[in-house]
Amino acid sequence: MSAAAAWANSATATLWALQSRAGWSGALQFAAPVAIACDYTADSKRMTDDAGQEFVSNLVLYTERAGIKQGDRILIGTSTAADPIAAGAVEVRRVMRYGDTLDR
């Protein structure tokens, strides 16, 4: 983690990466939960996902963690729950990347 991120990313979130979606049942399979350093804002913003669908986001997460993608689940705080949906994690709907690290 860059020095700037260590200073700015003072919160912790739990990430469950989406691994697959079962063909017939549509059941979602997630990787084990991983704690990541982050910062966030909790305000409503209108956004558009990659498919062009508008939605209202109530959480914007800032992190140096690369590889987060649409469909993953995020929960502010730490969790060891195997099921992100039962844990109350929200779906990642949009990912915007400016630079992979604050120090580039």
N, C-alpha and C. Protein backbone atom coordinates (compact mmCIF):
# COMPACT_ATOMS: atom_id res chain seq x y z
N MET A 1 0.84 -1.17 0.00
CA MET A 1 0.00 0.00 0.00
C MET A 1 0.89 1.23 0.00
N SER A 2 0.49 2.23 -0.78
CA SER A 2 1.27 3.45 -0.84
C SER A 2 1.16 4.22 0.47
N ALA A 3 2.10 5.12 0.70
CA ALA A 3 2.10 5.93 1.92
C ALA A 3 0.84 6.79 2.00
N ALA A 4 0.44 7.33 0.87
CA ALA A 4 -0.77 8.16 0.85
C ALA A 4 -2.01 7.33 1.18
N ALA A 5 -2.08 6.12 0.65
CA ALA A 5 -3.23 5.26 0.92
C ALA A 5 -3.26 4.83 2.38
N ALA A 6 -2.10 4.58 2.97
CA ALA A 6 -2.04 4.19 4.38
C ALA A 6 -2.60 5.30 5.26
N TRP A 7 -2.40 6.53 4.85
CA TRP A 7 -2.93 7.66 5.60
C TRP A 7 -4.43 7.85 5.33
N ALA A 8 -4.83 7.74 4.07
CA ALA A 8 -6.21 8.05 3.69
C ALA A 8 -7.18 6.90 3.92
N ASN A 9 -6.74 5.67 3.71
CA ASN A 9 -7.64 4.52 3.81
C ASN A 9 -7.63 3.97 5.23
N SER A 10 -8.37 4.63 6.10
CA SER A 10 -8.34 4.27 7.51
C SER A 10 -9.50 3.38 7.93
N ALA A 11 -10.38 3.03 7.00
CA ALA A 11 -11.50 2.14 7.30
C ALA A 11 -11.20 0.74 6.75
N THR A 12 -11.98 -0.22 7.18
CA THR A 12 -11.85 -1.59 6.69
C THR A 12 -13.17 -2.03 6.09
N ALA A 13 -13.10 -2.72 4.98
CA ALA A 13 -14.28 -3.32 4.36
C ALA A 13 -13.97 -4.79 4.09
N THR A 14 -15.01 -5.58 3.92
CA THR A 14 -14.85 -6.99 3.58
C THR A 14 -15.32 -7.18 2.15
N LEU A 15 -14.50 -7.87 1.37
CA LEU A 15 -14.78 -8.12 -0.04
C LEU A 15 -15.00 -9.61 -0.27
N TRP A 16 -16.08 -9.93 -0.96
CA TRP A 16 -16.33 -11.29 -1.43
C TRP A 16 -16.32 -11.22 -2.95
N ALA A 17 -15.33 -11.81 -3.58
CA ALA A 17 -15.23 -11.78 -5.05
C ALA A 17 -16.20 -12.80 -5.64
N LEU A 18 -16.94 -12.39 -6.65
CA LEU A 18 -17.85 -13.30 -7.36
C LEU A 18 -17.02 -14.25 -8.20
N GLN A 19 -17.19 -15.54 -7.97
CA GLN A 19 -16.43 -16.54 -8.72
C GLN A 19 -17.20 -17.08 -9.90
N SER A 20 -18.49 -17.38 -9.69
CA SER A 20 -19.28 -17.94 -10.79
C SER A 20 -20.76 -17.81 -10.48
N ARG A 21 -21.53 -18.05 -11.52
CA ARG A 21 -22.99 -18.07 -11.42
C ARG A 21 -23.43 -19.40 -12.03
N ALA A 22 -24.10 -20.24 -11.25
CA ALA A 22 -24.51 -21.56 -11.72
C ALA A 22 -25.46 -21.42 -12.91
N GLY A 23 -25.24 -22.25 -13.91
CA GLY A 23 -26.00 -22.17 -15.15
C GLY A 23 -27.50 -22.31 -15.02
N TRP A 24 -27.96 -23.39 -14.41
CA TRP A 24 -29.40 -23.63 -14.35
C TRP A 24 -30.07 -22.89 -13.22
N SER A 25 -29.47 -22.90 -12.07
CA SER A 25 -30.12 -22.30 -10.90
C SER A 25 -29.83 -20.81 -10.75
N GLY A 26 -28.74 -20.35 -11.32
CA GLY A 26 -28.35 -18.95 -11.18
C GLY A 26 -27.73 -18.65 -9.83
N ALA A 27 -27.43 -19.70 -9.04
CA ALA A 27 -26.84 -19.50 -7.72
C ALA A 27 -25.45 -18.87 -7.85
N LEU A 28 -25.18 -17.92 -6.99
CA LEU A 28 -23.90 -17.21 -7.01
C LEU A 28 -22.90 -17.91 -6.12
N GLN A 29 -21.66 -18.01 -6.58
CA GLN A 29 -20.58 -18.60 -5.79
C GLN A 29 -19.55 -17.49 -5.54
N PHE A 30 -19.19 -17.30 -4.27
CA PHE A 30 -18.26 -16.25 -3.90
C PHE A 30 -17.00 -16.84 -3.27
N ALA A 31 -15.89 -16.13 -3.43
CA ALA A 31 -14.64 -16.51 -2.77
C ALA A 31 -14.76 -16.21 -1.28
N ALA A 32 -13.81 -16.69 -0.52
CA ALA A 32 -13.78 -16.41 0.92
C ALA A 32 -13.65 -14.91 1.16
N PRO A 33 -14.17 -14.41 2.26
CA PRO A 33 -14.09 -12.97 2.53
C PRO A 33 -12.66 -12.51 2.78
N VAL A 34 -12.35 -11.30 2.28
CA VAL A 34 -11.03 -10.70 2.44
C VAL A 34 -11.21 -9.29 2.97
N ALA A 35 -10.47 -8.93 4.01
CA ALA A 35 -10.51 -7.57 4.55
C ALA A 35 -9.61 -6.68 3.71
N ILE A 36 -10.12 -5.49 3.35
CA ILE A 36 -9.34 -4.54 2.56
C ILE A 36 -9.37 -3.17 3.23
N ALA A 37 -8.30 -2.41 3.05
CA ALA A 37 -8.25 -1.03 3.55
C ALA A 37 -8.99 -0.14 2.56
N CYS A 38 -9.76 0.81 3.09
CA CYS A 38 -10.56 1.66 2.21
C CYS A 38 -10.94 2.95 2.91
N ASP A 39 -11.61 3.78 2.18
CA ASP A 39 -12.34 4.92 2.70
C ASP A 39 -13.65 4.92 1.93
N TYR A 40 -14.65 5.62 2.41
CA TYR A 40 -15.94 5.57 1.73
C TYR A 40 -16.75 6.81 2.04
N THR A 41 -17.73 7.06 1.19
CA THR A 41 -18.73 8.08 1.44
C THR A 41 -20.09 7.41 1.38
N ALA A 42 -20.97 7.86 2.21
CA ALA A 42 -22.31 7.28 2.25
C ALA A 42 -23.31 8.36 1.88
N ASP A 43 -23.40 8.65 0.59
CA ASP A 43 -24.40 9.58 0.10
C ASP A 43 -24.98 9.04 -1.20
N SER A 44 -26.17 9.46 -1.51
CA SER A 44 -26.85 8.95 -2.70
C SER A 44 -26.37 9.67 -3.95
N LYS A 45 -26.01 8.88 -4.96
CA LYS A 45 -25.58 9.41 -6.25
C LYS A 45 -26.21 8.58 -7.35
N ARG A 46 -26.66 9.25 -8.40
CA ARG A 46 -27.17 8.53 -9.56
C ARG A 46 -25.98 8.14 -10.42
N MET A 47 -25.92 6.87 -10.80
CA MET A 47 -24.82 6.35 -11.59
C MET A 47 -25.37 5.48 -12.71
N THR A 48 -24.49 5.12 -13.63
CA THR A 48 -24.83 4.23 -14.73
C THR A 48 -23.84 3.08 -14.74
N ASP A 49 -24.34 1.84 -14.84
CA ASP A 49 -23.42 0.71 -14.88
C ASP A 49 -22.94 0.48 -16.32
N ASP A 50 -22.11 -0.54 -16.52
CA ASP A 50 -21.54 -0.81 -17.85
C ASP A 50 -22.59 -1.18 -18.89
N ALA A 51 -23.75 -1.65 -18.44
CA ALA A 51 -24.83 -2.01 -19.36
C ALA A 51 -25.70 -0.81 -19.70
N GLY A 52 -25.42 0.35 -19.10
CA GLY A 52 -26.17 1.56 -19.38
C GLY A 52 -27.39 1.73 -18.49
N GLN A 53 -27.56 0.88 -17.49
CA GLN A 53 -28.71 0.99 -16.59
C GLN A 53 -28.39 1.97 -15.46
N GLU A 54 -29.31 2.89 -15.23
CA GLU A 54 -29.14 3.84 -14.15
C GLU A 54 -29.54 3.21 -12.83
N PHE A 55 -28.84 3.59 -11.78
CA PHE A 55 -29.18 3.14 -10.44
C PHE A 55 -28.73 4.22 -9.46
N VAL A 56 -29.22 4.15 -8.24
CA VAL A 56 -28.82 5.08 -7.20
C VAL A 56 -27.92 4.33 -6.23
N SER A 57 -26.71 4.84 -6.09
CA SER A 57 -25.75 4.25 -5.16
C SER A 57 -25.81 5.00 -3.85
N ASN A 58 -25.78 4.28 -2.74
CA ASN A 58 -25.73 4.95 -1.44
C ASN A 58 -24.38 4.75 -0.77
N LEU A 59 -23.42 4.15 -1.50
CA LEU A 59 -22.09 3.92 -0.95
C LEU A 59 -21.07 4.02 -2.07
N VAL A 60 -20.06 4.86 -1.88
CA VAL A 60 -18.94 4.97 -2.81
C VAL A 60 -17.70 4.59 -2.02
N LEU A 61 -16.98 3.58 -2.49
CA LEU A 61 -15.81 3.05 -1.80
C LEU A 61 -14.55 3.46 -2.54
N TYR A 62 -13.54 3.91 -1.80
CA TYR A 62 -12.25 4.30 -2.36
C TYR A 62 -11.20 3.34 -1.81
N THR A 63 -10.43 2.70 -2.69
CA THR A 63 -9.42 1.75 -2.26
C THR A 63 -8.34 1.61 -3.31
N GLU A 64 -7.19 1.14 -2.89
CA GLU A 64 -6.11 0.81 -3.84
C GLU A 64 -6.23 -0.62 -4.32
N ARG A 65 -7.16 -1.36 -3.80
CA ARG A 65 -7.31 -2.77 -4.16
C ARG A 65 -7.70 -2.90 -5.62
N ALA A 66 -6.83 -3.50 -6.42
CA ALA A 66 -7.13 -3.74 -7.84
C ALA A 66 -7.91 -5.04 -7.96
N GLY A 67 -8.64 -5.19 -9.02
CA GLY A 67 -9.32 -6.45 -9.29
C GLY A 67 -10.76 -6.52 -8.80
N ILE A 68 -11.26 -5.49 -8.15
CA ILE A 68 -12.67 -5.49 -7.76
C ILE A 68 -13.48 -5.31 -9.02
N LYS A 69 -14.55 -6.10 -9.16
CA LYS A 69 -15.34 -6.07 -10.39
C LYS A 69 -16.83 -6.07 -10.08
N GLN A 70 -17.62 -5.76 -11.10
CA GLN A 70 -19.06 -5.79 -10.93
C GLN A 70 -19.49 -7.19 -10.53
N GLY A 71 -20.44 -7.25 -9.61
CA GLY A 71 -20.94 -8.52 -9.12
C GLY A 71 -20.32 -8.94 -7.80
N ASP A 72 -19.13 -8.42 -7.48
CA ASP A 72 -18.53 -8.69 -6.18
C ASP A 72 -19.43 -8.09 -5.10
N ARG A 73 -19.21 -8.47 -3.87
CA ARG A 73 -19.97 -7.93 -2.74
C ARG A 73 -19.03 -7.26 -1.75
N ILE A 74 -19.48 -6.14 -1.17
CA ILE A 74 -18.68 -5.34 -0.23
C ILE A 74 -19.52 -5.05 1.01
N LEU A 75 -18.87 -5.12 2.16
CA LEU A 75 -19.50 -4.77 3.43
C LEU A 75 -18.53 -3.87 4.19
N ILE A 76 -18.99 -2.72 4.66
CA ILE A 76 -18.15 -1.87 5.48
C ILE A 76 -17.97 -2.55 6.83
N GLY A 77 -16.73 -2.70 7.25
CA GLY A 77 -16.41 -3.41 8.48
C GLY A 77 -15.84 -4.78 8.15
N THR A 78 -15.57 -5.55 9.17
CA THR A 78 -15.00 -6.87 8.95
C THR A 78 -16.04 -7.95 9.20
N SER A 79 -15.95 -9.00 8.41
CA SER A 79 -16.87 -10.13 8.54
C SER A 79 -16.14 -11.40 8.12
N THR A 80 -16.49 -12.50 8.75
CA THR A 80 -15.96 -13.80 8.37
C THR A 80 -17.06 -14.69 7.81
N ALA A 81 -18.24 -14.13 7.59
CA ALA A 81 -19.37 -14.90 7.09
C ALA A 81 -19.07 -15.44 5.69
N ALA A 82 -19.45 -16.67 5.44
CA ALA A 82 -19.22 -17.28 4.13
C ALA A 82 -20.19 -16.74 3.09
N ASP A 83 -21.39 -16.33 3.52
CA ASP A 83 -22.42 -15.85 2.60
C ASP A 83 -22.52 -14.33 2.70
N PRO A 84 -22.06 -13.60 1.67
CA PRO A 84 -22.09 -12.14 1.74
C PRO A 84 -23.50 -11.57 1.75
N ILE A 85 -24.43 -12.25 1.11
CA ILE A 85 -25.80 -11.75 1.06
C ILE A 85 -26.42 -11.80 2.46
N ALA A 86 -26.21 -12.92 3.16
CA ALA A 86 -26.71 -13.04 4.53
C ALA A 86 -26.01 -12.05 5.47
N ALA A 87 -24.76 -11.71 5.17
CA ALA A 87 -24.00 -10.76 5.99
C ALA A 87 -24.45 -9.32 5.76
N GLY A 88 -25.21 -9.07 4.69
CA GLY A 88 -25.68 -7.72 4.40
C GLY A 88 -24.79 -6.94 3.46
N ALA A 89 -23.89 -7.63 2.76
CA ALA A 89 -22.99 -6.96 1.82
C ALA A 89 -23.77 -6.47 0.60
N VAL A 90 -23.32 -5.37 0.02
CA VAL A 90 -23.97 -4.80 -1.16
C VAL A 90 -23.20 -5.20 -2.42
N GLU A 91 -23.92 -5.27 -3.52
CA GLU A 91 -23.32 -5.64 -4.80
C GLU A 91 -22.55 -4.47 -5.39
N VAL A 92 -21.38 -4.76 -5.94
CA VAL A 92 -20.61 -3.75 -6.67
C VAL A 92 -21.28 -3.59 -8.03
N ARG A 93 -21.76 -2.39 -8.33
CA ARG A 93 -22.45 -2.14 -9.59
C ARG A 93 -21.59 -1.40 -10.60
N ARG A 94 -20.62 -0.62 -10.10
CA ARG A 94 -19.78 0.16 -11.01
C ARG A 94 -18.38 0.26 -10.43
N VAL A 95 -17.40 0.10 -11.29
CA VAL A 95 -16.00 0.23 -10.88
C VAL A 95 -15.38 1.30 -11.75
N MET A 96 -14.75 2.27 -11.11
CA MET A 96 -14.09 3.35 -11.82
C MET A 96 -12.65 3.39 -11.35
N ARG A 97 -11.72 3.34 -12.29
CA ARG A 97 -10.31 3.33 -11.92
C ARG A 97 -9.62 4.57 -12.47
N TYR A 98 -8.92 5.27 -11.59
CA TYR A 98 -8.14 6.43 -11.99
C TYR A 98 -6.67 6.08 -12.10
N GLY A 99 -6.16 5.39 -11.12
CA GLY A 99 -4.78 4.94 -11.06
C GLY A 99 -4.74 3.78 -10.09
N ASP A 100 -3.87 2.83 -10.33
CA ASP A 100 -3.85 1.67 -9.46
C ASP A 100 -3.32 1.97 -8.07
N THR A 101 -2.49 2.98 -7.94
CA THR A 101 -2.01 3.37 -6.62
C THR A 101 -1.96 4.88 -6.56
N LEU A 102 -1.95 5.39 -5.35
CA LEU A 102 -1.87 6.84 -5.19
C LEU A 102 -0.48 7.35 -5.54
N ASP A 103 0.54 6.50 -5.39
CA ASP A 103 1.89 6.91 -5.75
C ASP A 103 2.22 6.56 -7.21
N ARG A 104 1.27 5.96 -7.90
CA ARG A 104 1.38 5.52 -9.30
C ARG A 104 2.46 4.49 -9.43
